[in-house]
């Protein structure tokens, strides 16, 4: 498994390579972008290394939060083994 904390395949790092003058708050560095399945899988990659809390940002907030809850959370629950 690649080091998910600084995976050069994430959007933020690709953007830095192409546009080194563009600043960011690092919001996409976690790689939580892509299809619903990709985001769910990435969340579980972080869970596997011990991450228990995520601080997420949505824009527009209410609509995207609802979409995350409806589409990503159920996928995470389906993929996560029962402990």
PDB file of N, CA and C in Angstrom:
ATOM      1  N   UNK A   1       0.856  -1.184   0.000  1.00  0.00           N
ATOM      2  CA  UNK A   1       0.000   0.000   0.000  1.00  0.00           C
ATOM      3  C   UNK A   1       0.899   1.244   0.000  1.00  0.00           C
ATOM      4  N   UNK A   2       0.595   2.225  -0.840  1.00  0.00           N
ATOM      5  CA  UNK A   2       1.406   3.450  -0.841  1.00  0.00           C
ATOM      6  C   UNK A   2       1.208   4.229   0.451  1.00  0.00           C
ATOM      7  N   UNK A   3       2.129   5.098   0.744  1.00  0.00           N
ATOM      8  CA  UNK A   3       1.988   5.963   1.917  1.00  0.00           C
ATOM      9  C   UNK A   3       0.866   6.943   1.633  1.00  0.00           C
ATOM     10  N   UNK A   4      -0.304   6.708   2.213  1.00  0.00           N
ATOM     11  CA  UNK A   4      -1.477   7.520   1.894  1.00  0.00           C
ATOM     12  C   UNK A   4      -1.393   8.925   2.449  1.00  0.00           C
ATOM     13  N   UNK A   5      -0.433   9.173   3.319  1.00  0.00           N
ATOM     14  CA  UNK A   5      -0.324  10.517   3.877  1.00  0.00           C
ATOM     15  C   UNK A   5       0.399  11.477   2.957  1.00  0.00           C
ATOM     16  N   UNK A   6       1.177  10.957   2.016  1.00  0.00           N
ATOM     17  CA  UNK A   6       1.828  11.831   1.036  1.00  0.00           C
ATOM     18  C   UNK A   6       1.922  11.143  -0.326  1.00  0.00           C
ATOM     19  N   UNK A   7       0.842  10.544  -0.736  1.00  0.00           N
ATOM     20  CA  UNK A   7       0.755   9.824  -2.000  1.00  0.00           C
ATOM     21  C   UNK A   7       0.865  10.818  -3.163  1.00  0.00           C
ATOM     22  N   UNK A   8       1.896  10.723  -3.982  1.00  0.00           N
ATOM     23  CA  UNK A   8       2.063  11.674  -5.091  1.00  0.00           C
ATOM     24  C   UNK A   8       0.958  11.571  -6.140  1.00  0.00           C
ATOM     25  N   UNK A   9       0.131  10.541  -6.075  1.00  0.00           N
ATOM     26  CA  UNK A   9      -0.969  10.398  -7.029  1.00  0.00           C
ATOM     27  C   UNK A   9      -2.187  11.226  -6.629  1.00  0.00           C
ATOM     28  N   UNK A  10      -2.183  11.815  -5.430  1.00  0.00           N
ATOM     29  CA  UNK A  10      -3.335  12.609  -5.025  1.00  0.00           C
ATOM     30  C   UNK A  10      -3.384  13.909  -5.815  1.00  0.00           C
ATOM     31  N   UNK A  11      -4.575  14.412  -5.955  1.00  0.00           N
ATOM     32  CA  UNK A  11      -4.818  15.607  -6.764  1.00  0.00           C
ATOM     33  C   UNK A  11      -3.956  16.780  -6.310  1.00  0.00           C
ATOM     34  N   UNK A  12      -3.844  17.005  -4.998  1.00  0.00           N
ATOM     35  CA  UNK A  12      -3.096  18.159  -4.521  1.00  0.00           C
ATOM     36  C   UNK A  12      -1.643  18.099  -4.993  1.00  0.00           C
ATOM     37  N   UNK A  13      -1.013  16.932  -4.877  1.00  0.00           N
ATOM     38  CA  UNK A  13       0.389  16.833  -5.253  1.00  0.00           C
ATOM     39  C   UNK A  13       0.576  16.957  -6.763  1.00  0.00           C
ATOM     40  N   UNK A  14      -0.375  16.451  -7.533  1.00  0.00           N
ATOM     41  CA  UNK A  14      -0.316  16.630  -8.984  1.00  0.00           C
ATOM     42  C   UNK A  14      -0.453  18.106  -9.341  1.00  0.00           C
ATOM     43  N   UNK A  15      -1.320  18.805  -8.639  1.00  0.00           N
ATOM     44  CA  UNK A  15      -1.499  20.244  -8.878  1.00  0.00           C
ATOM     45  C   UNK A  15      -0.224  21.004  -8.527  1.00  0.00           C
ATOM     46  N   UNK A  16       0.399  20.663  -7.405  1.00  0.00           N
ATOM     47  CA  UNK A  16       1.651  21.318  -7.019  1.00  0.00           C
ATOM     48  C   UNK A  16       2.725  21.133  -8.078  1.00  0.00           C
ATOM     49  N   UNK A  17       2.801  19.930  -8.656  1.00  0.00           N
ATOM     50  CA  UNK A  17       3.799  19.684  -9.693  1.00  0.00           C
ATOM     51  C   UNK A  17       3.560  20.570 -10.912  1.00  0.00           C
ATOM     52  N   UNK A  18       2.312  20.694 -11.292  1.00  0.00           N
ATOM     53  CA  UNK A  18       1.977  21.449 -12.497  1.00  0.00           C
ATOM     54  C   UNK A  18       1.998  22.955 -12.243  1.00  0.00           C
ATOM     55  N   UNK A  19       1.536  23.369 -11.077  1.00  0.00           N
ATOM     56  CA  UNK A  19       1.435  24.798 -10.735  1.00  0.00           C
ATOM     57  C   UNK A  19       2.071  25.035  -9.365  1.00  0.00           C
ATOM     58  N   UNK A  20       3.384  25.047  -9.264  1.00  0.00           N
ATOM     59  CA  UNK A  20       4.030  25.162  -7.950  1.00  0.00           C
ATOM     60  C   UNK A  20       3.733  26.479  -7.230  1.00  0.00           C
ATOM     61  N   UNK A  21       3.236  27.481  -7.951  1.00  0.00           N
ATOM     62  CA  UNK A  21       2.947  28.769  -7.334  1.00  0.00           C
ATOM     63  C   UNK A  21       1.555  28.815  -6.701  1.00  0.00           C
ATOM     64  N   UNK A  22       0.756  27.762  -6.897  1.00  0.00           N
ATOM     65  CA  UNK A  22      -0.605  27.744  -6.350  1.00  0.00           C
ATOM     66  C   UNK A  22      -0.548  27.249  -4.915  1.00  0.00           C
ATOM     67  N   UNK A  23      -1.076  28.025  -4.008  1.00  0.00           N
ATOM     68  CA  UNK A  23      -1.119  27.640  -2.603  1.00  0.00           C
ATOM     69  C   UNK A  23      -2.373  26.858  -2.289  1.00  0.00           C
ATOM     70  N   UNK A  24      -2.376  26.176  -1.180  1.00  0.00           N
ATOM     71  CA  UNK A  24      -3.547  25.421  -0.737  1.00  0.00           C
ATOM     72  C   UNK A  24      -3.490  25.248   0.762  1.00  0.00           C
ATOM     73  N   UNK A  25      -4.621  24.945   1.325  1.00  0.00           N
ATOM     74  CA  UNK A  25      -4.641  24.603   2.749  1.00  0.00           C
ATOM     75  C   UNK A  25      -4.445  23.104   2.934  1.00  0.00           C
ATOM     76  N   UNK A  26      -4.191  22.389   1.853  1.00  0.00           N
ATOM     77  CA  UNK A  26      -3.936  20.953   1.946  1.00  0.00           C
ATOM     78  C   UNK A  26      -5.185  20.110   1.953  1.00  0.00           C
ATOM     79  N   UNK A  27      -6.323  20.705   1.661  1.00  0.00           N
ATOM     80  CA  UNK A  27      -7.589  19.995   1.764  1.00  0.00           C
ATOM     81  C   UNK A  27      -7.697  18.759   0.906  1.00  0.00           C
ATOM     82  N   UNK A  28      -7.053  18.724  -0.243  1.00  0.00           N
ATOM     83  CA  UNK A  28      -7.142  17.541  -1.093  1.00  0.00           C
ATOM     84  C   UNK A  28      -5.965  16.593  -0.906  1.00  0.00           C
ATOM     85  N   UNK A  29      -5.065  16.884  -0.010  1.00  0.00           N
ATOM     86  CA  UNK A  29      -3.893  16.034   0.185  1.00  0.00           C
ATOM     87  C   UNK A  29      -4.277  14.634   0.654  1.00  0.00           C
ATOM     88  N   UNK A  30      -5.390  14.503   1.317  1.00  0.00           N
ATOM     89  CA  UNK A  30      -5.819  13.188   1.789  1.00  0.00           C
ATOM     90  C   UNK A  30      -6.318  12.311   0.653  1.00  0.00           C
ATOM     91  N   UNK A  31      -6.553  12.899  -0.503  1.00  0.00           N
ATOM     92  CA  UNK A  31      -7.016  12.111  -1.635  1.00  0.00           C
ATOM     93  C   UNK A  31      -8.466  11.688  -1.534  1.00  0.00           C
ATOM     94  N   UNK A  32      -9.257  12.394  -0.752  1.00  0.00           N
ATOM     95  CA  UNK A  32     -10.674  12.062  -0.624  1.00  0.00           C
ATOM     96  C   UNK A  32     -11.456  12.742  -1.733  1.00  0.00           C
ATOM     97  N   UNK A  33     -11.079  12.446  -2.946  1.00  0.00           N
ATOM     98  CA  UNK A  33     -11.739  12.955  -4.145  1.00  0.00           C
ATOM     99  C   UNK A  33     -11.891  11.794  -5.108  1.00  0.00           C
ATOM    100  N   UNK A  34     -12.897  11.859  -5.948  1.00  0.00           N
ATOM    101  CA  UNK A  34     -13.116  10.809  -6.923  1.00  0.00           C
ATOM    102  C   UNK A  34     -14.500  10.231  -6.788  1.00  0.00           C
ATOM    103  N   UNK A  35     -14.652   9.001  -7.260  1.00  0.00           N
ATOM    104  CA  UNK A  35     -15.953   8.337  -7.194  1.00  0.00           C
ATOM    105  C   UNK A  35     -16.310   8.060  -5.735  1.00  0.00           C
ATOM    106  N   UNK A  36     -17.564   7.753  -5.501  1.00  0.00           N
ATOM    107  CA  UNK A  36     -17.989   7.409  -4.143  1.00  0.00           C
ATOM    108  C   UNK A  36     -17.199   6.212  -3.623  1.00  0.00           C
ATOM    109  N   UNK A  37     -16.979   5.224  -4.478  1.00  0.00           N
ATOM    110  CA  UNK A  37     -16.217   4.044  -4.074  1.00  0.00           C
ATOM    111  C   UNK A  37     -14.770   4.389  -3.741  1.00  0.00           C
ATOM    112  N   UNK A  38     -14.169   5.275  -4.528  1.00  0.00           N
ATOM    113  CA  UNK A  38     -12.793   5.690  -4.267  1.00  0.00           C
ATOM    114  C   UNK A  38     -12.678   6.406  -2.933  1.00  0.00           C
ATOM    115  N   UNK A  39     -13.590   7.319  -2.671  1.00  0.00           N
ATOM    116  CA  UNK A  39     -13.549   8.064  -1.404  1.00  0.00           C
ATOM    117  C   UNK A  39     -13.756   7.114  -0.229  1.00  0.00           C
ATOM    118  N   UNK A  40     -14.707   6.199  -0.337  1.00  0.00           N
ATOM    119  CA  UNK A  40     -14.937   5.237   0.743  1.00  0.00           C
ATOM    120  C   UNK A  40     -13.694   4.387   0.993  1.00  0.00           C
ATOM    121  N   UNK A  41     -13.067   3.944  -0.080  1.00  0.00           N
ATOM    122  CA  UNK A  41     -11.856   3.137   0.051  1.00  0.00           C
ATOM    123  C   UNK A  41     -10.723   3.922   0.699  1.00  0.00           C
ATOM    124  N   UNK A  42     -10.556   5.175   0.301  1.00  0.00           N
ATOM    125  CA  UNK A  42      -9.499   6.019   0.889  1.00  0.00           C
ATOM    126  C   UNK A  42      -9.756   6.252   2.377  1.00  0.00           C
ATOM    127  N   UNK A  43     -11.011   6.450   2.746  1.00  0.00           N
ATOM    128  CA  UNK A  43     -11.336   6.625   4.171  1.00  0.00           C
ATOM    129  C   UNK A  43     -10.902   5.379   4.938  1.00  0.00           C
ATOM    130  N   UNK A  44     -11.196   4.215   4.401  1.00  0.00           N
ATOM    131  CA  UNK A  44     -10.798   2.981   5.087  1.00  0.00           C
ATOM    132  C   UNK A  44      -9.297   2.780   5.105  1.00  0.00           C
ATOM    133  N   UNK A  45      -8.577   3.295   4.106  1.00  0.00           N
ATOM    134  CA  UNK A  45      -7.108   3.268   4.162  1.00  0.00           C
ATOM    135  C   UNK A  45      -6.618   4.029   5.388  1.00  0.00           C
ATOM    136  N   UNK A  46      -7.218   5.166   5.650  1.00  0.00           N
ATOM    137  CA  UNK A  46      -6.838   5.946   6.828  1.00  0.00           C
ATOM    138  C   UNK A  46      -7.235   5.235   8.117  1.00  0.00           C
ATOM    139  N   UNK A  47      -8.412   4.641   8.136  1.00  0.00           N
ATOM    140  CA  UNK A  47      -8.851   3.886   9.312  1.00  0.00           C
ATOM    141  C   UNK A  47      -7.868   2.753   9.593  1.00  0.00           C
ATOM    142  N   UNK A  48      -7.398   2.093   8.542  1.00  0.00           N
ATOM    143  CA  UNK A  48      -6.454   0.984   8.697  1.00  0.00           C
ATOM    144  C   UNK A  48      -5.157   1.402   9.370  1.00  0.00           C
ATOM    145  N   UNK A  49      -4.757   2.661   9.214  1.00  0.00           N
ATOM    146  CA  UNK A  49      -3.519   3.111   9.869  1.00  0.00           C
ATOM    147  C   UNK A  49      -3.795   3.826  11.190  1.00  0.00           C
ATOM    148  N   UNK A  50      -5.057   3.791  11.636  1.00  0.00           N
ATOM    149  CA  UNK A  50      -5.370   4.298  12.965  1.00  0.00           C
ATOM    150  C   UNK A  50      -6.095   5.623  13.039  1.00  0.00           C
ATOM    151  N   UNK A  51      -6.421   6.240  11.918  1.00  0.00           N
ATOM    152  CA  UNK A  51      -7.155   7.507  11.953  1.00  0.00           C
ATOM    153  C   UNK A  51      -8.579   7.222  12.417  1.00  0.00           C
ATOM    154  N   UNK A  52      -9.037   7.965  13.405  1.00  0.00           N
ATOM    155  CA  UNK A  52     -10.374   7.760  13.956  1.00  0.00           C
ATOM    156  C   UNK A  52     -11.300   8.936  13.711  1.00  0.00           C
ATOM    157  N   UNK A  53     -10.756  10.106  13.423  1.00  0.00           N
ATOM    158  CA  UNK A  53     -11.563  11.311  13.258  1.00  0.00           C
ATOM    159  C   UNK A  53     -11.160  12.017  11.971  1.00  0.00           C
ATOM    160  N   UNK A  54     -12.153  12.467  11.222  1.00  0.00           N
ATOM    161  CA  UNK A  54     -11.920  13.191   9.985  1.00  0.00           C
ATOM    162  C   UNK A  54     -12.577  14.559  10.094  1.00  0.00           C
ATOM    163  N   UNK A  55     -11.882  15.579   9.651  1.00  0.00           N
ATOM    164  CA  UNK A  55     -12.454  16.919   9.565  1.00  0.00           C
ATOM    165  C   UNK A  55     -12.673  17.185   8.078  1.00  0.00           C
ATOM    166  N   UNK A  56     -13.937  17.205   7.675  1.00  0.00           N
ATOM    167  CA  UNK A  56     -14.268  17.333   6.265  1.00  0.00           C
ATOM    168  C   UNK A  56     -14.900  18.679   5.985  1.00  0.00           C
ATOM    169  N   UNK A  57     -14.764  19.121   4.776  1.00  0.00           N
ATOM    170  CA  UNK A  57     -15.322  20.399   4.334  1.00  0.00           C
ATOM    171  C   UNK A  57     -16.109  20.148   3.060  1.00  0.00           C
ATOM    172  N   UNK A  58     -17.280  20.759   2.947  1.00  0.00           N
ATOM    173  CA  UNK A  58     -18.141  20.577   1.788  1.00  0.00           C
ATOM    174  C   UNK A  58     -18.568  21.930   1.253  1.00  0.00           C
ATOM    175  N   UNK A  59     -18.705  22.009  -0.077  1.00  0.00           N
ATOM    176  CA  UNK A  59     -19.151  23.269  -0.680  1.00  0.00           C
ATOM    177  C   UNK A  59     -19.973  22.970  -1.925  1.00  0.00           C
ATOM    178  N   UNK A  60     -21.213  23.409  -1.927  1.00  0.00           N
ATOM    179  CA  UNK A  60     -21.973  24.035  -0.856  1.00  0.00           C
ATOM    180  C   UNK A  60     -22.238  23.024   0.265  1.00  0.00           C
ATOM    181  N   UNK A  61     -22.173  23.511   1.470  1.00  0.00           N
ATOM    182  CA  UNK A  61     -22.106  22.648   2.640  1.00  0.00           C
ATOM    183  C   UNK A  61     -23.267  21.659   2.747  1.00  0.00           C
ATOM    184  N   UNK A  62     -24.486  22.142   2.854  1.00  0.00           N
ATOM    185  CA  UNK A  62     -25.627  21.261   3.138  1.00  0.00           C
ATOM    186  C   UNK A  62     -25.833  20.215   2.048  1.00  0.00           C
ATOM    187  N   UNK A  63     -25.809  20.632   0.792  1.00  0.00           N
ATOM    188  CA  UNK A  63     -26.050  19.695  -0.306  1.00  0.00           C
ATOM    189  C   UNK A  63     -24.974  18.614  -0.373  1.00  0.00           C
ATOM    190  N   UNK A  64     -23.712  19.019  -0.262  1.00  0.00           N
ATOM    191  CA  UNK A  64     -22.619  18.051  -0.374  1.00  0.00           C
ATOM    192  C   UNK A  64     -22.497  17.177   0.873  1.00  0.00           C
ATOM    193  N   UNK A  65     -22.816  17.718   2.025  1.00  0.00           N
ATOM    194  CA  UNK A  65     -22.835  16.901   3.241  1.00  0.00           C
ATOM    195  C   UNK A  65     -23.907  15.824   3.119  1.00  0.00           C
ATOM    196  N   UNK A  66     -25.089  16.200   2.632  1.00  0.00           N
ATOM    197  CA  UNK A  66     -26.163  15.225   2.433  1.00  0.00           C
ATOM    198  C   UNK A  66     -25.741  14.150   1.429  1.00  0.00           C
ATOM    199  N   UNK A  67     -25.085  14.558   0.367  1.00  0.00           N
ATOM    200  CA  UNK A  67     -24.630  13.599  -0.643  1.00  0.00           C
ATOM    201  C   UNK A  67     -23.580  12.657  -0.062  1.00  0.00           C
ATOM    202  N   UNK A  68     -22.653  13.196   0.716  1.00  0.00           N
ATOM    203  CA  UNK A  68     -21.640  12.375   1.376  1.00  0.00           C
ATOM    204  C   UNK A  68     -22.304  11.344   2.287  1.00  0.00           C
ATOM    205  N   UNK A  69     -23.278  11.806   3.065  1.00  0.00           N
ATOM    206  CA  UNK A  69     -23.981  10.910   3.984  1.00  0.00           C
ATOM    207  C   UNK A  69     -24.760   9.827   3.238  1.00  0.00           C
ATOM    208  N   UNK A  70     -25.346  10.183   2.115  1.00  0.00           N
ATOM    209  CA  UNK A  70     -26.167   9.230   1.364  1.00  0.00           C
ATOM    210  C   UNK A  70     -25.336   8.274   0.516  1.00  0.00           C
ATOM    211  N   UNK A  71     -24.197   8.721   0.019  1.00  0.00           N
ATOM    212  CA  UNK A  71     -23.440   7.924  -0.952  1.00  0.00           C
ATOM    213  C   UNK A  71     -22.152   7.309  -0.411  1.00  0.00           C
ATOM    214  N   UNK A  72     -21.426   8.041   0.406  1.00  0.00           N
ATOM    215  CA  UNK A  72     -20.115   7.550   0.853  1.00  0.00           C
ATOM    216  C   UNK A  72     -20.227   6.739   2.140  1.00  0.00           C
ATOM    217  N   UNK A  73     -20.926   7.262   3.122  1.00  0.00           N
ATOM    218  CA  UNK A  73     -21.007   6.568   4.416  1.00  0.00           C
ATOM    219  C   UNK A  73     -21.545   5.140   4.270  1.00  0.00           C
ATOM    220  N   UNK A  74     -22.616   4.910   3.501  1.00  0.00           N
ATOM    221  CA  UNK A  74     -23.063   3.521   3.336  1.00  0.00           C
ATOM    222  C   UNK A  74     -22.007   2.617   2.699  1.00  0.00           C
ATOM    223  N   UNK A  75     -21.215   3.153   1.793  1.00  0.00           N
ATOM    224  CA  UNK A  75     -20.151   2.360   1.169  1.00  0.00           C
ATOM    225  C   UNK A  75     -19.064   2.030   2.179  1.00  0.00           C
ATOM    226  N   UNK A  76     -18.710   2.987   3.024  1.00  0.00           N
ATOM    227  CA  UNK A  76     -17.718   2.732   4.072  1.00  0.00           C
ATOM    228  C   UNK A  76     -18.224   1.614   4.982  1.00  0.00           C
ATOM    229  N   UNK A  77     -19.469   1.702   5.375  1.00  0.00           N
ATOM    230  CA  UNK A  77     -20.044   0.683   6.266  1.00  0.00           C
ATOM    231  C   UNK A  77     -20.065  -0.689   5.610  1.00  0.00           C
ATOM    232  N   UNK A  78     -20.361  -0.750   4.309  1.00  0.00           N
ATOM    233  CA  UNK A  78     -20.374  -2.040   3.598  1.00  0.00           C
ATOM    234  C   UNK A  78     -18.967  -2.640   3.471  1.00  0.00           C
ATOM    235  N   UNK A  79     -17.982  -1.773   3.263  1.00  0.00           N
ATOM    236  CA  UNK A  79     -16.608  -2.247   3.052  1.00  0.00           C
ATOM    237  C   UNK A  79     -15.883  -2.570   4.352  1.00  0.00           C
ATOM    238  N   UNK A  80     -16.289  -1.945   5.428  1.00  0.00           N
ATOM    239  CA  UNK A  80     -15.577  -2.101   6.699  1.00  0.00           C
ATOM    240  C   UNK A  80     -15.941  -3.444   7.327  1.00  0.00           C
ATOM    241  N   UNK A  81     -14.931  -4.240   7.629  1.00  0.00           N
ATOM    242  CA  UNK A  81     -15.221  -5.521   8.268  1.00  0.00           C
ATOM    243  C   UNK A  81     -15.799  -5.312   9.667  1.00  0.00           C
ATOM    244  N   UNK A  82     -16.688  -6.194  10.037  1.00  0.00           N
ATOM    245  CA  UNK A  82     -17.295  -6.122  11.371  1.00  0.00           C
ATOM    246  C   UNK A  82     -16.256  -6.534  12.393  1.00  0.00           C
ATOM    247  N   UNK A  83     -16.133  -5.702  13.408  1.00  0.00           N
ATOM    248  CA  UNK A  83     -15.108  -5.971  14.451  1.00  0.00           C
ATOM    249  C   UNK A  83     -15.748  -6.667  15.625  1.00  0.00           C
TER     250      UNK A  83
END
